[in-house]
């Protein structure tokens, strides 16, 4: 019997929203991109500035996963532009859920990575 290797990630939309100050970077209110799995997509003809994108990228994998209700990743949805003179904010919204298979996104077998998993019964990592 083949092991079930499915997992789910949230699909995300990252949209530029205006803050209290004027925006100075090359993005406009309403600009956005979407993330499904590992793939970013942008509307036809729309660009997105490199530096804000670089600041957002490390946060997106955490926003794609289920988080504890008390975790700030669950409650905080707006991220400030990294340019200290820019008033833009980026709203990260979970828009749906997509299913993936471990075997389709990596060549590392589940048995090989199972040793680092936390035990479901004890809640402790294996010794």
Protein backbone atom coordinates (compact mmCIF):
# COMPACT_ATOMS: atom_id res chain seq x y z
CA UNK A 1 0.00 0.00 0.00
CA UNK A 2 1.38 3.40 -1.00
CA UNK A 3 1.81 5.97 1.77
CA UNK A 4 -0.47 9.01 1.51
CA UNK A 5 1.92 11.88 0.84
CA UNK A 6 -0.57 14.72 0.36
CA UNK A 7 -0.27 18.05 2.13
CA UNK A 8 -2.03 21.40 1.83
CA UNK A 9 -0.84 24.98 1.58
CA UNK A 10 -2.81 28.20 1.57
CA UNK A 11 -2.90 30.15 -1.69
CA UNK A 12 -1.94 33.77 -1.07
CA UNK A 13 -2.59 37.16 -2.58
CA UNK A 14 -0.21 40.01 -1.70
CA UNK A 15 -1.70 43.42 -2.46
CA UNK A 16 -0.31 46.93 -2.15
CA UNK A 17 -2.41 49.09 0.17
CA UNK A 18 -1.86 52.75 0.96
CA UNK A 19 -0.61 53.69 4.41
CA UNK A 20 -0.66 57.09 6.11
CA UNK A 21 2.33 58.39 4.14
CA UNK A 22 2.89 58.83 0.41
CA UNK A 23 4.29 55.87 -1.52
CA UNK A 24 7.71 56.50 -3.05
CA UNK A 25 8.59 53.07 -4.44
CA UNK A 26 7.57 51.72 -7.84
CA UNK A 27 4.28 50.16 -6.75
CA UNK A 28 0.74 51.47 -6.81
CA UNK A 29 -2.22 50.86 -4.57
CA UNK A 30 -4.00 47.77 -5.86
CA UNK A 31 -0.91 46.16 -7.44
CA UNK A 32 -0.69 42.51 -6.40
CA UNK A 33 0.78 39.12 -7.00
CA UNK A 34 -0.44 35.66 -6.09
CA UNK A 35 1.32 32.61 -4.73
CA UNK A 36 0.17 29.03 -5.24
CA UNK A 37 2.59 26.43 -3.96
CA UNK A 38 6.02 27.66 -5.02
CA UNK A 39 4.77 29.69 -7.99
CA UNK A 40 4.35 33.46 -8.04
CA UNK A 41 2.07 34.97 -10.66
CA UNK A 42 1.64 38.60 -11.63
CA UNK A 43 -1.13 40.19 -13.70
CA UNK A 44 -0.17 40.75 -17.34
CA UNK A 45 1.87 43.93 -17.75
CA UNK A 46 2.30 44.59 -14.01
CA UNK A 47 5.73 44.81 -12.46
CA UNK A 48 6.65 44.63 -8.78
CA UNK A 49 9.72 46.29 -7.20
CA UNK A 50 12.61 44.02 -6.22
CA UNK A 51 13.30 45.31 -2.69
CA UNK A 52 9.76 44.99 -1.31
CA UNK A 53 9.51 41.57 -2.96
CA UNK A 54 12.78 40.50 -1.31
CA UNK A 55 11.44 41.63 2.09
CA UNK A 56 8.14 39.75 1.63
CA UNK A 57 9.52 36.44 0.33
CA UNK A 58 10.74 35.03 3.68
CA UNK A 59 7.28 35.54 5.24
CA UNK A 60 5.25 33.82 2.54
CA UNK A 61 6.06 30.14 3.29
CA UNK A 62 4.94 30.67 6.89
CA UNK A 63 1.72 32.37 5.75
CA UNK A 64 1.06 29.38 3.46
CA UNK A 65 0.95 27.00 6.42
CA UNK A 66 -1.51 26.48 9.22
CA UNK A 67 -0.37 28.39 12.28
CA UNK A 68 -1.46 28.49 15.89
CA UNK A 69 -4.35 30.94 16.50
CA UNK A 70 -2.13 32.96 18.88
CA UNK A 71 0.81 33.16 16.47
CA UNK A 72 1.42 36.62 14.99
CA UNK A 73 1.63 34.97 11.57
CA UNK A 74 -2.07 34.14 11.97
CA UNK A 75 -3.23 37.60 13.06
CA UNK A 76 -0.91 40.07 11.31
CA UNK A 77 -1.74 40.52 7.63
CA UNK A 78 -0.07 43.82 6.70
CA UNK A 79 3.65 44.28 6.23
CA UNK A 80 5.30 47.71 5.84
CA UNK A 81 7.38 48.53 2.80
CA UNK A 82 11.08 48.11 3.67
CA UNK A 83 11.85 51.62 2.37
CA UNK A 84 11.57 53.81 5.50
CA UNK A 85 10.34 56.74 3.38
CA UNK A 86 7.55 54.82 1.65
CA UNK A 87 4.04 54.66 3.10
CA UNK A 88 2.99 51.47 1.30
CA UNK A 89 1.88 48.35 3.11
CA UNK A 90 1.43 44.88 1.71
CA UNK A 91 -1.66 42.92 2.70
CA UNK A 92 -1.21 39.14 2.66
CA UNK A 93 -4.51 37.32 2.28
CA UNK A 94 -5.15 33.58 2.34
CA UNK A 95 -7.40 33.04 -0.68
CA UNK A 96 -7.81 29.27 -0.84
CA UNK A 97 -6.14 25.93 -0.19
CA UNK A 98 -4.22 23.83 -2.69
CA UNK A 99 -3.21 20.20 -2.24
CA UNK A 100 0.21 18.86 -3.22
CA UNK A 101 2.02 15.53 -3.07
CA UNK A 102 5.38 15.19 -1.37
CA UNK A 103 6.55 12.91 -4.21
CA UNK A 104 5.83 15.65 -6.77
CA UNK A 105 7.75 18.46 -5.06
CA UNK A 106 10.89 16.67 -3.83
CA UNK A 107 12.97 13.58 -4.46
CA UNK A 108 13.68 13.04 -0.74
CA UNK A 109 11.61 10.03 0.34
CA UNK A 110 9.28 10.44 3.31
CA UNK A 111 11.02 7.62 5.17
CA UNK A 112 14.30 9.58 5.07
CA UNK A 113 12.78 12.72 6.56
CA UNK A 114 10.57 10.89 9.07
CA UNK A 115 13.39 10.66 11.61
CA UNK A 116 13.26 14.40 12.26
CA UNK A 117 9.51 14.47 12.83
CA UNK A 118 7.98 15.09 16.22
CA UNK A 119 6.27 12.06 17.67
CA UNK A 120 2.49 12.37 17.45
CA UNK A 121 2.00 10.47 20.71
CA UNK A 122 4.56 12.18 22.92
CA UNK A 123 4.95 15.56 21.22
CA UNK A 124 8.72 15.11 21.50
CA UNK A 125 11.39 14.82 18.85
CA UNK A 126 12.97 11.36 18.58
CA UNK A 127 16.24 10.89 20.44
